[in-house]
mmCIF file of all heavy atoms, coordinates in Angstrom:
data_MODEL
# 
_entry.id   MODEL 
# 
loop_
_atom_site.group_PDB 
_atom_site.id 
_atom_site.type_symbol 
_atom_site.label_atom_id 
_atom_site.label_alt_id 
_atom_site.label_comp_id 
_atom_site.label_asym_id 
_atom_site.label_entity_id 
_atom_site.label_seq_id 
_atom_site.pdbx_PDB_ins_code 
_atom_site.Cartn_x 
_atom_site.Cartn_y 
_atom_site.Cartn_z 
_atom_site.occupancy 
_atom_site.B_iso_or_equiv 
_atom_site.pdbx_formal_charge 
_atom_site.auth_seq_id 
_atom_site.auth_comp_id 
_atom_site.auth_asym_id 
_atom_site.auth_atom_id 
_atom_site.pdbx_PDB_model_num 
ATOM 1   N N   . VAL A 1 1  ? 150.753 31.267 88.028 1.00 0.00 ? 1  VAL A N   1 
ATOM 2   C CA  . VAL A 1 1  ? 150.937 32.576 87.331 1.00 0.00 ? 1  VAL A CA  1 
ATOM 3   C C   . VAL A 1 1  ? 149.558 33.224 87.177 1.00 0.00 ? 1  VAL A C   1 
ATOM 4   O O   . VAL A 1 1  ? 148.787 33.059 86.231 1.00 0.00 ? 1  VAL A O   1 
ATOM 5   C CB  . VAL A 1 1  ? 151.575 32.376 85.924 1.00 0.00 ? 1  VAL A CB  1 
ATOM 6   C CG1 . VAL A 1 1  ? 151.796 33.755 85.284 1.00 0.00 ? 1  VAL A CG1 1 
ATOM 7   C CG2 . VAL A 1 1  ? 152.971 31.671 86.086 1.00 0.00 ? 1  VAL A CG2 1 
ATOM 8   N N   . TRP A 1 2  ? 149.154 33.888 88.324 1.00 0.00 ? 2  TRP A N   1 
ATOM 9   C CA  . TRP A 1 2  ? 147.790 34.434 88.348 1.00 0.00 ? 2  TRP A CA  1 
ATOM 10  C C   . TRP A 1 2  ? 147.590 35.557 87.271 1.00 0.00 ? 2  TRP A C   1 
ATOM 11  O O   . TRP A 1 2  ? 146.558 35.584 86.620 1.00 0.00 ? 2  TRP A O   1 
ATOM 12  C CB  . TRP A 1 2  ? 147.535 35.017 89.677 1.00 0.00 ? 2  TRP A CB  1 
ATOM 13  C CG  . TRP A 1 2  ? 147.669 33.998 90.798 1.00 0.00 ? 2  TRP A CG  1 
ATOM 14  C CD1 . TRP A 1 2  ? 148.715 33.816 91.607 1.00 0.00 ? 2  TRP A CD1 1 
ATOM 15  C CD2 . TRP A 1 2  ? 146.680 33.000 91.160 1.00 0.00 ? 2  TRP A CD2 1 
ATOM 16  N NE1 . TRP A 1 2  ? 148.452 32.678 92.473 1.00 0.00 ? 2  TRP A NE1 1 
ATOM 17  C CE2 . TRP A 1 2  ? 147.278 32.189 92.196 1.00 0.00 ? 2  TRP A CE2 1 
ATOM 18  C CE3 . TRP A 1 2  ? 145.433 32.755 90.701 1.00 0.00 ? 2  TRP A CE3 1 
ATOM 19  C CZ2 . TRP A 1 2  ? 146.485 31.187 92.767 1.00 0.00 ? 2  TRP A CZ2 1 
ATOM 20  C CZ3 . TRP A 1 2  ? 144.692 31.661 91.263 1.00 0.00 ? 2  TRP A CZ3 1 
ATOM 21  C CH2 . TRP A 1 2  ? 145.285 30.917 92.252 1.00 0.00 ? 2  TRP A CH2 1 
ATOM 22  N N   . VAL A 1 3  ? 148.619 36.357 87.089 1.00 0.00 ? 3  VAL A N   1 
ATOM 23  C CA  . VAL A 1 3  ? 148.685 37.307 85.941 1.00 0.00 ? 3  VAL A CA  1 
ATOM 24  C C   . VAL A 1 3  ? 150.122 37.281 85.564 1.00 0.00 ? 3  VAL A C   1 
ATOM 25  O O   . VAL A 1 3  ? 151.009 36.946 86.349 1.00 0.00 ? 3  VAL A O   1 
ATOM 26  C CB  . VAL A 1 3  ? 148.195 38.731 86.353 1.00 0.00 ? 3  VAL A CB  1 
ATOM 27  C CG1 . VAL A 1 3  ? 146.736 38.753 86.637 1.00 0.00 ? 3  VAL A CG1 1 
ATOM 28  C CG2 . VAL A 1 3  ? 148.990 39.332 87.453 1.00 0.00 ? 3  VAL A CG2 1 
ATOM 29  N N   . ILE A 1 4  ? 150.425 37.800 84.359 1.00 0.00 ? 4  ILE A N   1 
ATOM 30  C CA  . ILE A 1 4  ? 151.804 37.988 83.951 1.00 0.00 ? 4  ILE A CA  1 
ATOM 31  C C   . ILE A 1 4  ? 152.368 39.136 84.814 1.00 0.00 ? 4  ILE A C   1 
ATOM 32  O O   . ILE A 1 4  ? 151.822 40.271 84.707 1.00 0.00 ? 4  ILE A O   1 
ATOM 33  C CB  . ILE A 1 4  ? 151.922 38.256 82.480 1.00 0.00 ? 4  ILE A CB  1 
ATOM 34  C CG1 . ILE A 1 4  ? 151.222 37.162 81.655 1.00 0.00 ? 4  ILE A CG1 1 
ATOM 35  C CG2 . ILE A 1 4  ? 153.359 38.326 82.077 1.00 0.00 ? 4  ILE A CG2 1 
ATOM 36  C CD1 . ILE A 1 4  ? 151.731 35.790 81.888 1.00 0.00 ? 4  ILE A CD1 1 
ATOM 37  N N   . PRO A 1 5  ? 153.355 38.932 85.640 1.00 0.00 ? 5  PRO A N   1 
ATOM 38  C CA  . PRO A 1 5  ? 153.794 39.959 86.520 1.00 0.00 ? 5  PRO A CA  1 
ATOM 39  C C   . PRO A 1 5  ? 154.595 41.107 85.876 1.00 0.00 ? 5  PRO A C   1 
ATOM 40  O O   . PRO A 1 5  ? 155.231 40.892 84.818 1.00 0.00 ? 5  PRO A O   1 
ATOM 41  C CB  . PRO A 1 5  ? 154.692 39.213 87.507 1.00 0.00 ? 5  PRO A CB  1 
ATOM 42  C CG  . PRO A 1 5  ? 155.197 38.010 86.732 1.00 0.00 ? 5  PRO A CG  1 
ATOM 43  C CD  . PRO A 1 5  ? 154.114 37.673 85.778 1.00 0.00 ? 5  PRO A CD  1 
ATOM 44  N N   . GLY A 1 6  ? 154.440 42.245 86.458 1.00 0.00 ? 6  GLY A N   1 
ATOM 45  C CA  . GLY A 1 6  ? 155.181 43.408 85.901 1.00 0.00 ? 6  GLY A CA  1 
ATOM 46  C C   . GLY A 1 6  ? 154.451 44.143 84.812 1.00 0.00 ? 6  GLY A C   1 
ATOM 47  O O   . GLY A 1 6  ? 153.398 43.695 84.370 1.00 0.00 ? 6  GLY A O   1 
ATOM 48  N N   . ASP A 1 7  ? 154.999 45.327 84.435 1.00 0.00 ? 7  ASP A N   1 
ATOM 49  C CA  . ASP A 1 7  ? 154.397 46.112 83.326 1.00 0.00 ? 7  ASP A CA  1 
ATOM 50  C C   . ASP A 1 7  ? 155.194 46.042 82.036 1.00 0.00 ? 7  ASP A C   1 
ATOM 51  O O   . ASP A 1 7  ? 154.670 46.291 81.034 1.00 0.00 ? 7  ASP A O   1 
ATOM 52  C CB  . ASP A 1 7  ? 154.145 47.565 83.834 1.00 0.00 ? 7  ASP A CB  1 
ATOM 53  C CG  . ASP A 1 7  ? 155.401 48.240 84.357 1.00 0.00 ? 7  ASP A CG  1 
ATOM 54  O OD1 . ASP A 1 7  ? 156.538 47.645 84.238 1.00 0.00 ? 7  ASP A OD1 1 
ATOM 55  O OD2 . ASP A 1 7  ? 155.219 49.342 84.885 1.00 0.00 ? 7  ASP A OD2 1 
ATOM 56  N N   . SER A 1 8  ? 156.492 45.701 82.137 1.00 0.00 ? 8  SER A N   1 
ATOM 57  C CA  . SER A 1 8  ? 157.333 45.521 80.963 1.00 0.00 ? 8  SER A CA  1 
ATOM 58  C C   . SER A 1 8  ? 157.426 44.032 80.706 1.00 0.00 ? 8  SER A C   1 
ATOM 59  O O   . SER A 1 8  ? 158.528 43.455 80.706 1.00 0.00 ? 8  SER A O   1 
ATOM 60  C CB  . SER A 1 8  ? 158.692 46.172 81.175 1.00 0.00 ? 8  SER A CB  1 
ATOM 61  O OG  . SER A 1 8  ? 159.292 45.605 82.298 1.00 0.00 ? 8  SER A OG  1 
ATOM 62  N N   . SER A 1 9  ? 156.308 43.446 80.386 1.00 0.00 ? 9  SER A N   1 
ATOM 63  C CA  . SER A 1 9  ? 156.236 42.003 80.208 1.00 0.00 ? 9  SER A CA  1 
ATOM 64  C C   . SER A 1 9  ? 154.988 41.691 79.335 1.00 0.00 ? 9  SER A C   1 
ATOM 65  O O   . SER A 1 9  ? 154.046 42.497 79.290 1.00 0.00 ? 9  SER A O   1 
ATOM 66  C CB  . SER A 1 9  ? 156.061 41.317 81.546 1.00 0.00 ? 9  SER A CB  1 
ATOM 67  O OG  . SER A 1 9  ? 154.894 41.855 82.269 1.00 0.00 ? 9  SER A OG  1 
ATOM 68  N N   . LEU A 1 10 ? 154.996 40.615 78.682 1.00 0.00 ? 10 LEU A N   1 
ATOM 69  C CA  . LEU A 1 10 ? 153.884 40.218 77.816 1.00 0.00 ? 10 LEU A CA  1 
ATOM 70  C C   . LEU A 1 10 ? 153.923 38.719 77.592 1.00 0.00 ? 10 LEU A C   1 
ATOM 71  O O   . LEU A 1 10 ? 154.865 37.982 77.931 1.00 0.00 ? 10 LEU A O   1 
ATOM 72  C CB  . LEU A 1 10 ? 153.938 40.979 76.535 1.00 0.00 ? 10 LEU A CB  1 
ATOM 73  C CG  . LEU A 1 10 ? 155.085 40.773 75.566 1.00 0.00 ? 10 LEU A CG  1 
ATOM 74  C CD1 . LEU A 1 10 ? 154.651 41.174 74.114 1.00 0.00 ? 10 LEU A CD1 1 
ATOM 75  C CD2 . LEU A 1 10 ? 156.288 41.580 75.945 1.00 0.00 ? 10 LEU A CD2 1 
ATOM 76  N N   . SER A 1 11 ? 152.820 38.253 77.033 1.00 0.00 ? 11 SER A N   1 
ATOM 77  C CA  . SER A 1 11 ? 152.646 36.898 76.632 1.00 0.00 ? 11 SER A CA  1 
ATOM 78  C C   . SER A 1 11 ? 152.627 36.788 75.114 1.00 0.00 ? 11 SER A C   1 
ATOM 79  O O   . SER A 1 11 ? 151.926 37.514 74.459 1.00 0.00 ? 11 SER A O   1 
ATOM 80  C CB  . SER A 1 11 ? 151.364 36.215 77.195 1.00 0.00 ? 11 SER A CB  1 
ATOM 81  O OG  . SER A 1 11 ? 151.465 36.109 78.557 1.00 0.00 ? 11 SER A OG  1 
ATOM 82  N N   . VAL A 1 12 ? 153.319 35.758 74.585 1.00 0.00 ? 12 VAL A N   1 
ATOM 83  C CA  . VAL A 1 12 ? 153.296 35.591 73.137 1.00 0.00 ? 12 VAL A CA  1 
ATOM 84  C C   . VAL A 1 12 ? 153.165 34.068 72.861 1.00 0.00 ? 12 VAL A C   1 
ATOM 85  O O   . VAL A 1 12 ? 153.482 33.247 73.716 1.00 0.00 ? 12 VAL A O   1 
ATOM 86  C CB  . VAL A 1 12 ? 154.538 36.084 72.371 1.00 0.00 ? 12 VAL A CB  1 
ATOM 87  C CG1 . VAL A 1 12 ? 154.683 37.548 72.580 1.00 0.00 ? 12 VAL A CG1 1 
ATOM 88  C CG2 . VAL A 1 12 ? 155.791 35.417 72.868 1.00 0.00 ? 12 VAL A CG2 1 
ATOM 89  N N   . ASN A 1 13 ? 152.631 33.754 71.672 1.00 0.00 ? 13 ASN A N   1 
ATOM 90  C CA  . ASN A 1 13 ? 152.600 32.353 71.269 1.00 0.00 ? 13 ASN A CA  1 
ATOM 91  C C   . ASN A 1 13 ? 153.940 31.970 70.603 1.00 0.00 ? 13 ASN A C   1 
ATOM 92  O O   . ASN A 1 13 ? 154.851 32.756 70.523 1.00 0.00 ? 13 ASN A O   1 
ATOM 93  C CB  . ASN A 1 13 ? 151.363 32.074 70.422 1.00 0.00 ? 13 ASN A CB  1 
ATOM 94  C CG  . ASN A 1 13 ? 151.392 32.935 69.142 1.00 0.00 ? 13 ASN A CG  1 
ATOM 95  O OD1 . ASN A 1 13 ? 152.373 33.456 68.696 1.00 0.00 ? 13 ASN A OD1 1 
ATOM 96  N ND2 . ASN A 1 13 ? 150.231 33.229 68.645 1.00 0.00 ? 13 ASN A ND2 1 
ATOM 97  N N   . LEU A 1 14 ? 154.018 30.791 70.096 1.00 0.00 ? 14 LEU A N   1 
ATOM 98  C CA  . LEU A 1 14 ? 155.231 30.312 69.524 1.00 0.00 ? 14 LEU A CA  1 
ATOM 99  C C   . LEU A 1 14 ? 155.568 30.931 68.122 1.00 0.00 ? 14 LEU A C   1 
ATOM 100 O O   . LEU A 1 14 ? 156.632 30.673 67.557 1.00 0.00 ? 14 LEU A O   1 
ATOM 101 C CB  . LEU A 1 14 ? 155.302 28.750 69.508 1.00 0.00 ? 14 LEU A CB  1 
ATOM 102 C CG  . LEU A 1 14 ? 155.170 28.112 70.833 1.00 0.00 ? 14 LEU A CG  1 
ATOM 103 C CD1 . LEU A 1 14 ? 155.301 26.589 70.679 1.00 0.00 ? 14 LEU A CD1 1 
ATOM 104 C CD2 . LEU A 1 14 ? 156.231 28.647 71.854 1.00 0.00 ? 14 LEU A CD2 1 
ATOM 105 N N   . ALA A 1 15 ? 154.644 31.708 67.644 1.00 0.00 ? 15 ALA A N   1 
ATOM 106 C CA  . ALA A 1 15 ? 154.921 32.495 66.527 1.00 0.00 ? 15 ALA A CA  1 
ATOM 107 C C   . ALA A 1 15 ? 155.418 33.937 66.839 1.00 0.00 ? 15 ALA A C   1 
ATOM 108 O O   . ALA A 1 15 ? 155.712 34.703 65.989 1.00 0.00 ? 15 ALA A O   1 
ATOM 109 C CB  . ALA A 1 15 ? 153.624 32.635 65.653 1.00 0.00 ? 15 ALA A CB  1 
ATOM 110 N N   . GLY A 1 16 ? 155.472 34.242 68.156 1.00 0.00 ? 16 GLY A N   1 
ATOM 111 C CA  . GLY A 1 16 ? 155.922 35.539 68.549 1.00 0.00 ? 16 GLY A CA  1 
ATOM 112 C C   . GLY A 1 16 ? 154.857 36.626 68.569 1.00 0.00 ? 16 GLY A C   1 
ATOM 113 O O   . GLY A 1 16 ? 155.300 37.811 68.673 1.00 0.00 ? 16 GLY A O   1 
ATOM 114 N N   . GLU A 1 17 ? 153.592 36.216 68.591 1.00 0.00 ? 17 GLU A N   1 
ATOM 115 C CA  . GLU A 1 17 ? 152.509 37.176 68.546 1.00 0.00 ? 17 GLU A CA  1 
ATOM 116 C C   . GLU A 1 17 ? 151.716 37.136 69.920 1.00 0.00 ? 17 GLU A C   1 
ATOM 117 O O   . GLU A 1 17 ? 151.593 36.081 70.494 1.00 0.00 ? 17 GLU A O   1 
ATOM 118 C CB  . GLU A 1 17 ? 151.501 36.825 67.502 1.00 0.00 ? 17 GLU A CB  1 
ATOM 119 C CG  . GLU A 1 17 ? 152.062 36.804 66.114 1.00 0.00 ? 17 GLU A CG  1 
ATOM 120 C CD  . GLU A 1 17 ? 151.284 36.161 65.114 1.00 0.00 ? 17 GLU A CD  1 
ATOM 121 O OE1 . GLU A 1 17 ? 150.404 35.291 65.445 1.00 0.00 ? 17 GLU A OE1 1 
ATOM 122 O OE2 . GLU A 1 17 ? 151.439 36.404 63.932 1.00 0.00 ? 17 GLU A OE2 1 
ATOM 123 N N   . ARG A 1 18 ? 151.371 38.320 70.384 1.00 0.00 ? 18 ARG A N   1 
ATOM 124 C CA  . ARG A 1 18 ? 150.523 38.384 71.599 1.00 0.00 ? 18 ARG A CA  1 
ATOM 125 C C   . ARG A 1 18 ? 149.197 37.668 71.247 1.00 0.00 ? 18 ARG A C   1 
ATOM 126 O O   . ARG A 1 18 ? 148.752 37.706 70.112 1.00 0.00 ? 18 ARG A O   1 
ATOM 127 C CB  . ARG A 1 18 ? 150.213 39.772 72.047 1.00 0.00 ? 18 ARG A CB  1 
ATOM 128 C CG  . ARG A 1 18 ? 151.386 40.542 72.690 1.00 0.00 ? 18 ARG A CG  1 
ATOM 129 C CD  . ARG A 1 18 ? 151.014 41.972 73.062 1.00 0.00 ? 18 ARG A CD  1 
ATOM 130 N NE  . ARG A 1 18 ? 150.138 42.011 74.168 1.00 0.00 ? 18 ARG A NE  1 
ATOM 131 C CZ  . ARG A 1 18 ? 149.222 42.957 74.413 1.00 0.00 ? 18 ARG A CZ  1 
ATOM 132 N NH1 . ARG A 1 18 ? 149.075 43.934 73.497 1.00 0.00 ? 18 ARG A NH1 1 
ATOM 133 N NH2 . ARG A 1 18 ? 148.461 43.005 75.434 1.00 0.00 ? 18 ARG A NH2 1 
ATOM 134 N N   . TYR A 1 19 ? 148.568 37.042 72.183 1.00 0.00 ? 19 TYR A N   1 
ATOM 135 C CA  . TYR A 1 19 ? 147.337 36.310 71.977 1.00 0.00 ? 19 TYR A CA  1 
ATOM 136 C C   . TYR A 1 19 ? 146.305 36.571 73.074 1.00 0.00 ? 19 TYR A C   1 
ATOM 137 O O   . TYR A 1 19 ? 145.186 36.044 72.992 1.00 0.00 ? 19 TYR A O   1 
ATOM 138 C CB  . TYR A 1 19 ? 147.626 34.834 71.946 1.00 0.00 ? 19 TYR A CB  1 
ATOM 139 C CG  . TYR A 1 19 ? 148.195 34.194 73.180 1.00 0.00 ? 19 TYR A CG  1 
ATOM 140 C CD1 . TYR A 1 19 ? 147.327 33.597 74.167 1.00 0.00 ? 19 TYR A CD1 1 
ATOM 141 C CD2 . TYR A 1 19 ? 149.546 34.347 73.460 1.00 0.00 ? 19 TYR A CD2 1 
ATOM 142 C CE1 . TYR A 1 19 ? 147.826 33.192 75.342 1.00 0.00 ? 19 TYR A CE1 1 
ATOM 143 C CE2 . TYR A 1 19 ? 150.037 33.767 74.680 1.00 0.00 ? 19 TYR A CE2 1 
ATOM 144 C CZ  . TYR A 1 19 ? 149.127 33.227 75.560 1.00 0.00 ? 19 TYR A CZ  1 
ATOM 145 O OH  . TYR A 1 19 ? 149.753 32.716 76.759 1.00 0.00 ? 19 TYR A OH  1 
ATOM 146 N N   . VAL A 1 20 ? 146.578 37.422 74.097 1.00 0.00 ? 20 VAL A N   1 
ATOM 147 C CA  . VAL A 1 20 ? 145.719 37.529 75.233 1.00 0.00 ? 20 VAL A CA  1 
ATOM 148 C C   . VAL A 1 20 ? 146.014 38.862 75.938 1.00 0.00 ? 20 VAL A C   1 
ATOM 149 O O   . VAL A 1 20 ? 147.106 39.367 75.896 1.00 0.00 ? 20 VAL A O   1 
ATOM 150 C CB  . VAL A 1 20 ? 145.783 36.311 76.166 1.00 0.00 ? 20 VAL A CB  1 
ATOM 151 C CG1 . VAL A 1 20 ? 147.142 36.381 76.908 1.00 0.00 ? 20 VAL A CG1 1 
ATOM 152 C CG2 . VAL A 1 20 ? 144.592 36.132 77.120 1.00 0.00 ? 20 VAL A CG2 1 
ATOM 153 N N   . ASN A 1 21 ? 145.035 39.274 76.759 1.00 0.00 ? 21 ASN A N   1 
ATOM 154 C CA  . ASN A 1 21 ? 145.275 40.324 77.711 1.00 0.00 ? 21 ASN A CA  1 
ATOM 155 C C   . ASN A 1 21 ? 146.036 39.771 78.906 1.00 0.00 ? 21 ASN A C   1 
ATOM 156 O O   . ASN A 1 21 ? 145.470 38.979 79.658 1.00 0.00 ? 21 ASN A O   1 
ATOM 157 C CB  . ASN A 1 21 ? 143.979 40.992 78.150 1.00 0.00 ? 21 ASN A CB  1 
ATOM 158 C CG  . ASN A 1 21 ? 144.101 41.927 79.317 1.00 0.00 ? 21 ASN A CG  1 
ATOM 159 O OD1 . ASN A 1 21 ? 145.145 42.188 79.852 1.00 0.00 ? 21 ASN A OD1 1 
ATOM 160 N ND2 . ASN A 1 21 ? 142.924 42.513 79.758 1.00 0.00 ? 21 ASN A ND2 1 
ATOM 161 N N   . GLU A 1 22 ? 147.256 40.135 79.127 1.00 0.00 ? 22 GLU A N   1 
ATOM 162 C CA  . GLU A 1 22 ? 148.093 39.464 80.131 1.00 0.00 ? 22 GLU A CA  1 
ATOM 163 C C   . GLU A 1 22 ? 147.683 39.771 81.532 1.00 0.00 ? 22 GLU A C   1 
ATOM 164 O O   . GLU A 1 22 ? 148.072 39.001 82.459 1.00 0.00 ? 22 GLU A O   1 
ATOM 165 C CB  . GLU A 1 22 ? 149.550 39.974 79.948 1.00 0.00 ? 22 GLU A CB  1 
ATOM 166 C CG  . GLU A 1 22 ? 150.218 39.537 78.650 1.00 0.00 ? 22 GLU A CG  1 
ATOM 167 C CD  . GLU A 1 22 ? 150.052 40.520 77.496 1.00 0.00 ? 22 GLU A CD  1 
ATOM 168 O OE1 . GLU A 1 22 ? 149.218 41.454 77.632 1.00 0.00 ? 22 GLU A OE1 1 
ATOM 169 O OE2 . GLU A 1 22 ? 150.743 40.406 76.527 1.00 0.00 ? 22 GLU A OE2 1 
ATOM 170 N N   . LYS A 1 23 ? 146.866 40.793 81.700 1.00 0.00 ? 23 LYS A N   1 
ATOM 171 C CA  . LYS A 1 23 ? 146.361 41.119 83.048 1.00 0.00 ? 23 LYS A CA  1 
ATOM 172 C C   . LYS A 1 23 ? 144.926 40.662 83.327 1.00 0.00 ? 23 LYS A C   1 
ATOM 173 O O   . LYS A 1 23 ? 144.368 40.941 84.366 1.00 0.00 ? 23 LYS A O   1 
ATOM 174 C CB  . LYS A 1 23 ? 146.451 42.665 83.315 1.00 0.00 ? 23 LYS A CB  1 
ATOM 175 C CG  . LYS A 1 23 ? 147.880 43.171 83.170 1.00 0.00 ? 23 LYS A CG  1 
ATOM 176 C CD  . LYS A 1 23 ? 148.921 42.560 84.153 1.00 0.00 ? 23 LYS A CD  1 
ATOM 177 C CE  . LYS A 1 23 ? 150.198 43.149 84.043 1.00 0.00 ? 23 LYS A CE  1 
ATOM 178 N NZ  . LYS A 1 23 ? 151.173 42.563 84.969 1.00 0.00 ? 23 LYS A NZ  1 
ATOM 179 N N   . ASN A 1 24 ? 144.312 40.017 82.328 1.00 0.00 ? 24 ASN A N   1 
ATOM 180 C CA  . ASN A 1 24 ? 143.010 39.445 82.500 1.00 0.00 ? 24 ASN A CA  1 
ATOM 181 C C   . ASN A 1 24 ? 143.056 38.429 83.656 1.00 0.00 ? 24 ASN A C   1 
ATOM 182 O O   . ASN A 1 24 ? 144.003 37.742 83.827 1.00 0.00 ? 24 ASN A O   1 
ATOM 183 C CB  . ASN A 1 24 ? 142.484 38.776 81.226 1.00 0.00 ? 24 ASN A CB  1 
ATOM 184 C CG  . ASN A 1 24 ? 141.075 38.241 81.278 1.00 0.00 ? 24 ASN A CG  1 
ATOM 185 O OD1 . ASN A 1 24 ? 140.913 37.078 81.229 1.00 0.00 ? 24 ASN A OD1 1 
ATOM 186 N ND2 . ASN A 1 24 ? 140.171 39.160 81.436 1.00 0.00 ? 24 ASN A ND2 1 
ATOM 187 N N   . HIS A 1 25 ? 141.960 38.319 84.345 1.00 0.00 ? 25 HIS A N   1 
ATOM 188 C CA  . HIS A 1 25 ? 141.951 37.612 85.592 1.00 0.00 ? 25 HIS A CA  1 
ATOM 189 C C   . HIS A 1 25 ? 142.175 36.100 85.368 1.00 0.00 ? 25 HIS A C   1 
ATOM 190 O O   . HIS A 1 25 ? 141.985 35.547 84.304 1.00 0.00 ? 25 HIS A O   1 
ATOM 191 C CB  . HIS A 1 25 ? 140.578 37.766 86.336 1.00 0.00 ? 25 HIS A CB  1 
ATOM 192 C CG  . HIS A 1 25 ? 139.379 37.329 85.482 1.00 0.00 ? 25 HIS A CG  1 
ATOM 193 N ND1 . HIS A 1 25 ? 138.988 35.949 85.571 1.00 0.00 ? 25 HIS A ND1 1 
ATOM 194 C CD2 . HIS A 1 25 ? 138.574 37.876 84.730 1.00 0.00 ? 25 HIS A CD2 1 
ATOM 195 C CE1 . HIS A 1 25 ? 137.933 35.822 84.820 1.00 0.00 ? 25 HIS A CE1 1 
ATOM 196 N NE2 . HIS A 1 25 ? 137.568 36.950 84.333 1.00 0.00 ? 25 HIS A NE2 1 
ATOM 197 N N   . PRO A 1 26 ? 142.714 35.426 86.386 1.00 0.00 ? 26 PRO A N   1 
ATOM 198 C CA  . PRO A 1 26 ? 143.121 34.009 86.172 1.00 0.00 ? 26 PRO A CA  1 
ATOM 199 C C   . PRO A 1 26 ? 142.069 33.037 85.823 1.00 0.00 ? 26 PRO A C   1 
ATOM 200 O O   . PRO A 1 26 ? 142.314 31.970 85.235 1.00 0.00 ? 26 PRO A O   1 
ATOM 201 C CB  . PRO A 1 26 ? 143.782 33.692 87.519 1.00 0.00 ? 26 PRO A CB  1 
ATOM 202 C CG  . PRO A 1 26 ? 143.258 34.647 88.538 1.00 0.00 ? 26 PRO A CG  1 
ATOM 203 C CD  . PRO A 1 26 ? 143.023 35.897 87.705 1.00 0.00 ? 26 PRO A CD  1 
ATOM 204 N N   . GLY A 1 27 ? 140.795 33.342 86.096 1.00 0.00 ? 27 GLY A N   1 
ATOM 205 C CA  . GLY A 1 27 ? 139.697 32.485 85.837 1.00 0.00 ? 27 GLY A CA  1 
ATOM 206 C C   . GLY A 1 27 ? 139.409 32.427 84.262 1.00 0.00 ? 27 GLY A C   1 
ATOM 207 O O   . GLY A 1 27 ? 138.732 31.479 83.813 1.00 0.00 ? 27 GLY A O   1 
# 
């Protein structure tokens, strides 16, 4: 998963909160 694919998508932790820029580079 190099980046989270798509634009209507996001990453959340197990509390349901975003924790990162989903398009930040894989490194």
